[in-house]
Amino acid sequence: MENVDVAEYNKALRENPEICRPFVSEIGDMRSGEELLSDCNRDCLFNECFESWTKSEEVASACPLR
């Protein structure tokens, strides 16, 4: 993984989409570099909420994988 600017990311997304966030692109997230920067605060909030949700005792005890 490496940091790239928006133009470089967009070029890679056009030419080699499989190297740009491969997991989320498989589920349909093909946002441009501009969109990712614009949405980064919202994405971080979602990740924090999801992380705390999965760590709750209620959820953990209901999870069959534990």
PDB file of N, CA and C in Angstrom:
ATOM      1  N   MET A   1       0.846  -1.162   0.000  1.00  0.00           N
ATOM      2  CA  MET A   1       0.000   0.000   0.000  1.00  0.00           C
ATOM      3  C   MET A   1       0.898   1.234   0.000  1.00  0.00           C
ATOM      4  N   GLU A   2       0.494   2.242  -0.749  1.00  0.00           N
ATOM      5  CA  GLU A   2       1.243   3.495  -0.766  1.00  0.00           C
ATOM      6  C   GLU A   2       0.303   4.670  -0.943  1.00  0.00           C
ATOM      7  N   ASN A   3       0.732   5.817  -0.474  1.00  0.00           N
ATOM      8  CA  ASN A   3      -0.043   7.045  -0.649  1.00  0.00           C
ATOM      9  C   ASN A   3       0.151   7.568  -2.057  1.00  0.00           C
ATOM     10  N   VAL A   4      -0.940   7.965  -2.680  1.00  0.00           N
ATOM     11  CA  VAL A   4      -0.891   8.562  -4.016  1.00  0.00           C
ATOM     12  C   VAL A   4      -1.814   9.769  -4.034  1.00  0.00           C
ATOM     13  N   ASP A   5      -1.593  10.659  -4.995  1.00  0.00           N
ATOM     14  CA  ASP A   5      -2.495  11.803  -5.096  1.00  0.00           C
ATOM     15  C   ASP A   5      -3.751  11.388  -5.872  1.00  0.00           C
ATOM     16  N   VAL A   6      -4.725  12.271  -5.898  1.00  0.00           N
ATOM     17  CA  VAL A   6      -6.027  11.975  -6.503  1.00  0.00           C
ATOM     18  C   VAL A   6      -5.885  11.594  -7.969  1.00  0.00           C
ATOM     19  N   ALA A   7      -5.105  12.343  -8.728  1.00  0.00           N
ATOM     20  CA  ALA A   7      -4.957  12.062 -10.157  1.00  0.00           C
ATOM     21  C   ALA A   7      -4.336  10.685 -10.391  1.00  0.00           C
ATOM     22  N   GLU A   8      -3.335  10.347  -9.602  1.00  0.00           N
ATOM     23  CA  GLU A   8      -2.679   9.044  -9.744  1.00  0.00           C
ATOM     24  C   GLU A   8      -3.639   7.908  -9.370  1.00  0.00           C
ATOM     25  N   TYR A   9      -4.422   8.117  -8.319  1.00  0.00           N
ATOM     26  CA  TYR A   9      -5.406   7.105  -7.927  1.00  0.00           C
ATOM     27  C   TYR A   9      -6.452   6.911  -9.020  1.00  0.00           C
ATOM     28  N   ASN A  10      -6.971   8.014  -9.558  1.00  0.00           N
ATOM     29  CA  ASN A  10      -7.992   7.921 -10.602  1.00  0.00           C
ATOM     30  C   ASN A  10      -7.449   7.224 -11.846  1.00  0.00           C
ATOM     31  N   LYS A  11      -6.196   7.489 -12.183  1.00  0.00           N
ATOM     32  CA  LYS A  11      -5.568   6.825 -13.335  1.00  0.00           C
ATOM     33  C   LYS A  11      -5.468   5.319 -13.078  1.00  0.00           C
ATOM     34  N   ALA A  12      -5.026   4.946 -11.885  1.00  0.00           N
ATOM     35  CA  ALA A  12      -4.929   3.527 -11.547  1.00  0.00           C
ATOM     36  C   ALA A  12      -6.313   2.879 -11.546  1.00  0.00           C
ATOM     37  N   LEU A  13      -7.320   3.594 -11.059  1.00  0.00           N
ATOM     38  CA  LEU A  13      -8.687   3.069 -11.031  1.00  0.00           C
ATOM     39  C   LEU A  13      -9.196   2.797 -12.444  1.00  0.00           C
ATOM     40  N   ARG A  14      -8.853   3.671 -13.377  1.00  0.00           N
ATOM     41  CA  ARG A  14      -9.250   3.477 -14.782  1.00  0.00           C
ATOM     42  C   ARG A  14      -8.484   2.336 -15.434  1.00  0.00           C
ATOM     43  N   GLU A  15      -7.162   2.297 -15.217  1.00  0.00           N
ATOM     44  CA  GLU A  15      -6.302   1.364 -15.937  1.00  0.00           C
ATOM     45  C   GLU A  15      -6.145   0.001 -15.266  1.00  0.00           C
ATOM     46  N   ASN A  16      -6.116  -0.035 -13.947  1.00  0.00           N
ATOM     47  CA  ASN A  16      -5.935  -1.287 -13.191  1.00  0.00           C
ATOM     48  C   ASN A  16      -6.833  -1.288 -11.958  1.00  0.00           C
ATOM     49  N   PRO A  17      -8.142  -1.344 -12.133  1.00  0.00           N
ATOM     50  CA  PRO A  17      -9.050  -1.223 -10.988  1.00  0.00           C
ATOM     51  C   PRO A  17      -8.829  -2.298  -9.922  1.00  0.00           C
ATOM     52  N   GLU A  18      -8.278  -3.423 -10.300  1.00  0.00           N
ATOM     53  CA  GLU A  18      -8.077  -4.510  -9.337  1.00  0.00           C
ATOM     54  C   GLU A  18      -7.044  -4.184  -8.261  1.00  0.00           C
ATOM     55  N   ILE A  19      -6.213  -3.149  -8.482  1.00  0.00           N
ATOM     56  CA  ILE A  19      -5.218  -2.781  -7.470  1.00  0.00           C
ATOM     57  C   ILE A  19      -5.713  -1.689  -6.521  1.00  0.00           C
ATOM     58  N   CYS A  20      -6.874  -1.139  -6.805  1.00  0.00           N
ATOM     59  CA  CYS A  20      -7.428  -0.046  -5.993  1.00  0.00           C
ATOM     60  C   CYS A  20      -8.537  -0.563  -5.094  1.00  0.00           C
ATOM     61  N   ARG A  21      -8.208  -0.791  -3.817  1.00  0.00           N
ATOM     62  CA  ARG A  21      -9.208  -1.204  -2.839  1.00  0.00           C
ATOM     63  C   ARG A  21      -9.982  -2.425  -3.338  1.00  0.00           C
ATOM     64  N   PRO A  22      -9.305  -3.548  -3.567  1.00  0.00           N
ATOM     65  CA  PRO A  22      -9.937  -4.702  -4.210  1.00  0.00           C
ATOM     66  C   PRO A  22     -11.156  -5.264  -3.481  1.00  0.00           C
ATOM     67  N   PHE A  23     -11.138  -5.294  -2.158  1.00  0.00           N
ATOM     68  CA  PHE A  23     -12.292  -5.862  -1.460  1.00  0.00           C
ATOM     69  C   PHE A  23     -13.545  -5.027  -1.685  1.00  0.00           C
ATOM     70  N   VAL A  24     -13.443  -3.733  -1.448  1.00  0.00           N
ATOM     71  CA  VAL A  24     -14.641  -2.898  -1.570  1.00  0.00           C
ATOM     72  C   VAL A  24     -15.088  -2.725  -3.017  1.00  0.00           C
ATOM     73  N   SER A  25     -14.157  -2.817  -3.960  1.00  0.00           N
ATOM     74  CA  SER A  25     -14.578  -2.745  -5.361  1.00  0.00           C
ATOM     75  C   SER A  25     -15.400  -3.977  -5.734  1.00  0.00           C
ATOM     76  N   GLU A  26     -15.125  -5.122  -5.095  1.00  0.00           N
ATOM     77  CA  GLU A  26     -15.906  -6.339  -5.344  1.00  0.00           C
ATOM     78  C   GLU A  26     -17.351  -6.190  -4.887  1.00  0.00           C
ATOM     79  N   ILE A  27     -17.583  -5.327  -3.915  1.00  0.00           N
ATOM     80  CA  ILE A  27     -18.961  -5.119  -3.460  1.00  0.00           C
ATOM     81  C   ILE A  27     -19.569  -3.847  -4.062  1.00  0.00           C
ATOM     82  N   GLY A  28     -18.898  -3.298  -5.077  1.00  0.00           N
ATOM     83  CA  GLY A  28     -19.474  -2.199  -5.842  1.00  0.00           C
ATOM     84  C   GLY A  28     -19.017  -0.800  -5.505  1.00  0.00           C
ATOM     85  N   ASP A  29     -18.050  -0.653  -4.620  1.00  0.00           N
ATOM     86  CA  ASP A  29     -17.566   0.689  -4.251  1.00  0.00           C
ATOM     87  C   ASP A  29     -16.442   1.087  -5.203  1.00  0.00           C
ATOM     88  N   MET A  30     -16.791   1.875  -6.196  1.00  0.00           N
ATOM     89  CA  MET A  30     -15.814   2.309  -7.197  1.00  0.00           C
ATOM     90  C   MET A  30     -15.658   3.829  -7.167  1.00  0.00           C
ATOM     91  N   ARG A  31     -15.619   4.406  -5.950  1.00  0.00           N
ATOM     92  CA  ARG A  31     -15.515   5.859  -5.827  1.00  0.00           C
ATOM     93  C   ARG A  31     -14.180   6.362  -6.355  1.00  0.00           C
ATOM     94  N   SER A  32     -14.233   7.564  -6.919  1.00  0.00           N
ATOM     95  CA  SER A  32     -13.021   8.225  -7.413  1.00  0.00           C
ATOM     96  C   SER A  32     -12.204   8.747  -6.232  1.00  0.00           C
ATOM     97  N   GLY A  33     -11.010   9.215  -6.515  1.00  0.00           N
ATOM     98  CA  GLY A  33     -10.168   9.796  -5.485  1.00  0.00           C
ATOM     99  C   GLY A  33     -10.826  10.985  -4.805  1.00  0.00           C
ATOM    100  N   GLU A  34     -11.494  11.823  -5.592  1.00  0.00           N
ATOM    101  CA  GLU A  34     -12.182  12.982  -5.021  1.00  0.00           C
ATOM    102  C   GLU A  34     -13.289  12.547  -4.073  1.00  0.00           C
ATOM    103  N   GLU A  35     -14.051  11.527  -4.495  1.00  0.00           N
ATOM    104  CA  GLU A  35     -15.147  11.045  -3.662  1.00  0.00           C
ATOM    105  C   GLU A  35     -14.630  10.426  -2.362  1.00  0.00           C
ATOM    106  N   LEU A  36     -13.530   9.688  -2.447  1.00  0.00           N
ATOM    107  CA  LEU A  36     -12.961   9.086  -1.238  1.00  0.00           C
ATOM    108  C   LEU A  36     -12.516  10.151  -0.252  1.00  0.00           C
ATOM    109  N   LEU A  37     -11.859  11.195  -0.751  1.00  0.00           N
ATOM    110  CA  LEU A  37     -11.440  12.275   0.140  1.00  0.00           C
ATOM    111  C   LEU A  37     -12.638  12.980   0.753  1.00  0.00           C
ATOM    112  N   SER A  38     -13.659  13.197  -0.054  1.00  0.00           N
ATOM    113  CA  SER A  38     -14.860  13.873   0.421  1.00  0.00           C
ATOM    114  C   SER A  38     -15.586  13.041   1.486  1.00  0.00           C
ATOM    115  N   ASP A  39     -15.558  11.727   1.331  1.00  0.00           N
ATOM    116  CA  ASP A  39     -16.300  10.837   2.221  1.00  0.00           C
ATOM    117  C   ASP A  39     -15.477  10.294   3.391  1.00  0.00           C
ATOM    118  N   CYS A  40     -14.209  10.667   3.498  1.00  0.00           N
ATOM    119  CA  CYS A  40     -13.337  10.003   4.473  1.00  0.00           C
ATOM    120  C   CYS A  40     -13.796  10.185   5.914  1.00  0.00           C
ATOM    121  N   ASN A  41     -14.295  11.333   6.290  1.00  0.00           N
ATOM    122  CA  ASN A  41     -14.769  11.517   7.667  1.00  0.00           C
ATOM    123  C   ASN A  41     -15.970  10.627   7.957  1.00  0.00           C
ATOM    124  N   ARG A  42     -16.891  10.556   7.031  1.00  0.00           N
ATOM    125  CA  ARG A  42     -18.072   9.695   7.201  1.00  0.00           C
ATOM    126  C   ARG A  42     -17.655   8.228   7.273  1.00  0.00           C
ATOM    127  N   ASP A  43     -16.711   7.817   6.413  1.00  0.00           N
ATOM    128  CA  ASP A  43     -16.236   6.439   6.423  1.00  0.00           C
ATOM    129  C   ASP A  43     -15.567   6.102   7.752  1.00  0.00           C
ATOM    130  N   CYS A  44     -14.792   7.019   8.294  1.00  0.00           N
ATOM    131  CA  CYS A  44     -14.134   6.781   9.589  1.00  0.00           C
ATOM    132  C   CYS A  44     -15.162   6.642  10.699  1.00  0.00           C
ATOM    133  N   LEU A  45     -16.187   7.467  10.679  1.00  0.00           N
ATOM    134  CA  LEU A  45     -17.243   7.359  11.689  1.00  0.00           C
ATOM    135  C   LEU A  45     -17.950   6.017  11.589  1.00  0.00           C
ATOM    136  N   PHE A  46     -18.221   5.573  10.367  1.00  0.00           N
ATOM    137  CA  PHE A  46     -18.857   4.264  10.179  1.00  0.00           C
ATOM    138  C   PHE A  46     -17.959   3.159  10.725  1.00  0.00           C
ATOM    139  N   ASN A  47     -16.673   3.213  10.407  1.00  0.00           N
ATOM    140  CA  ASN A  47     -15.741   2.186  10.880  1.00  0.00           C
ATOM    141  C   ASN A  47     -15.672   2.159  12.397  1.00  0.00           C
ATOM    142  N   GLU A  48     -15.658   3.333  13.031  1.00  0.00           N
ATOM    143  CA  GLU A  48     -15.632   3.393  14.496  1.00  0.00           C
ATOM    144  C   GLU A  48     -16.910   2.812  15.087  1.00  0.00           C
ATOM    145  N   CYS A  49     -18.051   3.138  14.502  1.00  0.00           N
ATOM    146  CA  CYS A  49     -19.322   2.608  14.994  1.00  0.00           C
ATOM    147  C   CYS A  49     -19.373   1.095  14.810  1.00  0.00           C
ATOM    148  N   PHE A  50     -18.946   0.611  13.659  1.00  0.00           N
ATOM    149  CA  PHE A  50     -18.968  -0.827  13.393  1.00  0.00           C
ATOM    150  C   PHE A  50     -18.031  -1.553  14.353  1.00  0.00           C
ATOM    151  N   GLU A  51     -16.860  -0.982  14.581  1.00  0.00           N
ATOM    152  CA  GLU A  51     -15.897  -1.602  15.480  1.00  0.00           C
ATOM    153  C   GLU A  51     -16.452  -1.690  16.905  1.00  0.00           C
ATOM    154  N   SER A  52     -17.056  -0.615  17.389  1.00  0.00           N
ATOM    155  CA  SER A  52     -17.604  -0.648  18.755  1.00  0.00           C
ATOM    156  C   SER A  52     -18.807  -1.582  18.820  1.00  0.00           C
ATOM    157  N   TRP A  53     -19.586  -1.653  17.760  1.00  0.00           N
ATOM    158  CA  TRP A  53     -20.744  -2.543  17.724  1.00  0.00           C
ATOM    159  C   TRP A  53     -20.291  -3.996  17.821  1.00  0.00           C
ATOM    160  N   THR A  54     -19.253  -4.366  17.087  1.00  0.00           N
ATOM    161  CA  THR A  54     -18.796  -5.752  17.093  1.00  0.00           C
ATOM    162  C   THR A  54     -18.099  -6.126  18.392  1.00  0.00           C
ATOM    163  N   LYS A  55     -17.705  -5.125  19.201  1.00  0.00           N
ATOM    164  CA  LYS A  55     -17.047  -5.402  20.472  1.00  0.00           C
ATOM    165  C   LYS A  55     -18.026  -5.442  21.642  1.00  0.00           C
ATOM    166  N   SER A  56     -19.294  -5.132  21.383  1.00  0.00           N
ATOM    167  CA  SER A  56     -20.254  -5.137  22.489  1.00  0.00           C
ATOM    168  C   SER A  56     -20.470  -6.574  22.970  1.00  0.00           C
ATOM    169  N   GLU A  57     -20.678  -6.746  24.263  1.00  0.00           N
ATOM    170  CA  GLU A  57     -20.869  -8.075  24.847  1.00  0.00           C
ATOM    171  C   GLU A  57     -22.103  -8.764  24.288  1.00  0.00           C
ATOM    172  N   GLU A  58     -23.164  -7.984  24.069  1.00  0.00           N
ATOM    173  CA  GLU A  58     -24.406  -8.561  23.555  1.00  0.00           C
ATOM    174  C   GLU A  58     -24.188  -9.182  22.178  1.00  0.00           C
ATOM    175  N   VAL A  59     -23.512  -8.432  21.296  1.00  0.00           N
ATOM    176  CA  VAL A  59     -23.239  -8.926  19.953  1.00  0.00           C
ATOM    177  C   VAL A  59     -22.255 -10.092  20.013  1.00  0.00           C
ATOM    178  N   ALA A  60     -21.224  -9.958  20.820  1.00  0.00           N
ATOM    179  CA  ALA A  60     -20.208 -10.998  20.921  1.00  0.00           C
ATOM    180  C   ALA A  60     -20.795 -12.315  21.406  1.00  0.00           C
ATOM    181  N   SER A  61     -21.696 -12.266  22.367  1.00  0.00           N
ATOM    182  CA  SER A  61     -22.275 -13.502  22.887  1.00  0.00           C
ATOM    183  C   SER A  61     -23.229 -14.146  21.890  1.00  0.00           C
ATOM    184  N   ALA A  62     -23.799 -13.368  20.995  1.00  0.00           N
ATOM    185  CA  ALA A  62     -24.715 -13.903  19.995  1.00  0.00           C
ATOM    186  C   ALA A  62     -23.994 -14.433  18.767  1.00  0.00           C
ATOM    187  N   CYS A  63     -22.727 -14.127  18.653  1.00  0.00           N
ATOM    188  CA  CYS A  63     -21.967 -14.512  17.471  1.00  0.00           C
ATOM    189  C   CYS A  63     -21.589 -15.991  17.527  1.00  0.00           C
ATOM    190  N   PRO A  64     -21.987 -16.786  16.548  1.00  0.00           N
ATOM    191  CA  PRO A  64     -21.681 -18.212  16.576  1.00  0.00           C
ATOM    192  C   PRO A  64     -20.196 -18.509  16.313  1.00  0.00           C
ATOM    193  N   LEU A  65     -19.452 -17.533  15.878  1.00  0.00           N
ATOM    194  CA  LEU A  65     -18.035 -17.755  15.560  1.00  0.00           C
ATOM    195  C   LEU A  65     -17.140 -17.669  16.773  1.00  0.00           C
ATOM    196  N   ARG A  66     -17.656 -17.270  17.914  1.00  0.00           N
ATOM    197  CA  ARG A  66     -16.852 -17.145  19.135  1.00  0.00           C
ATOM    198  C   ARG A  66     -16.820 -18.408  19.915  1.00  0.00           C
TER     199      ARG A  66
END
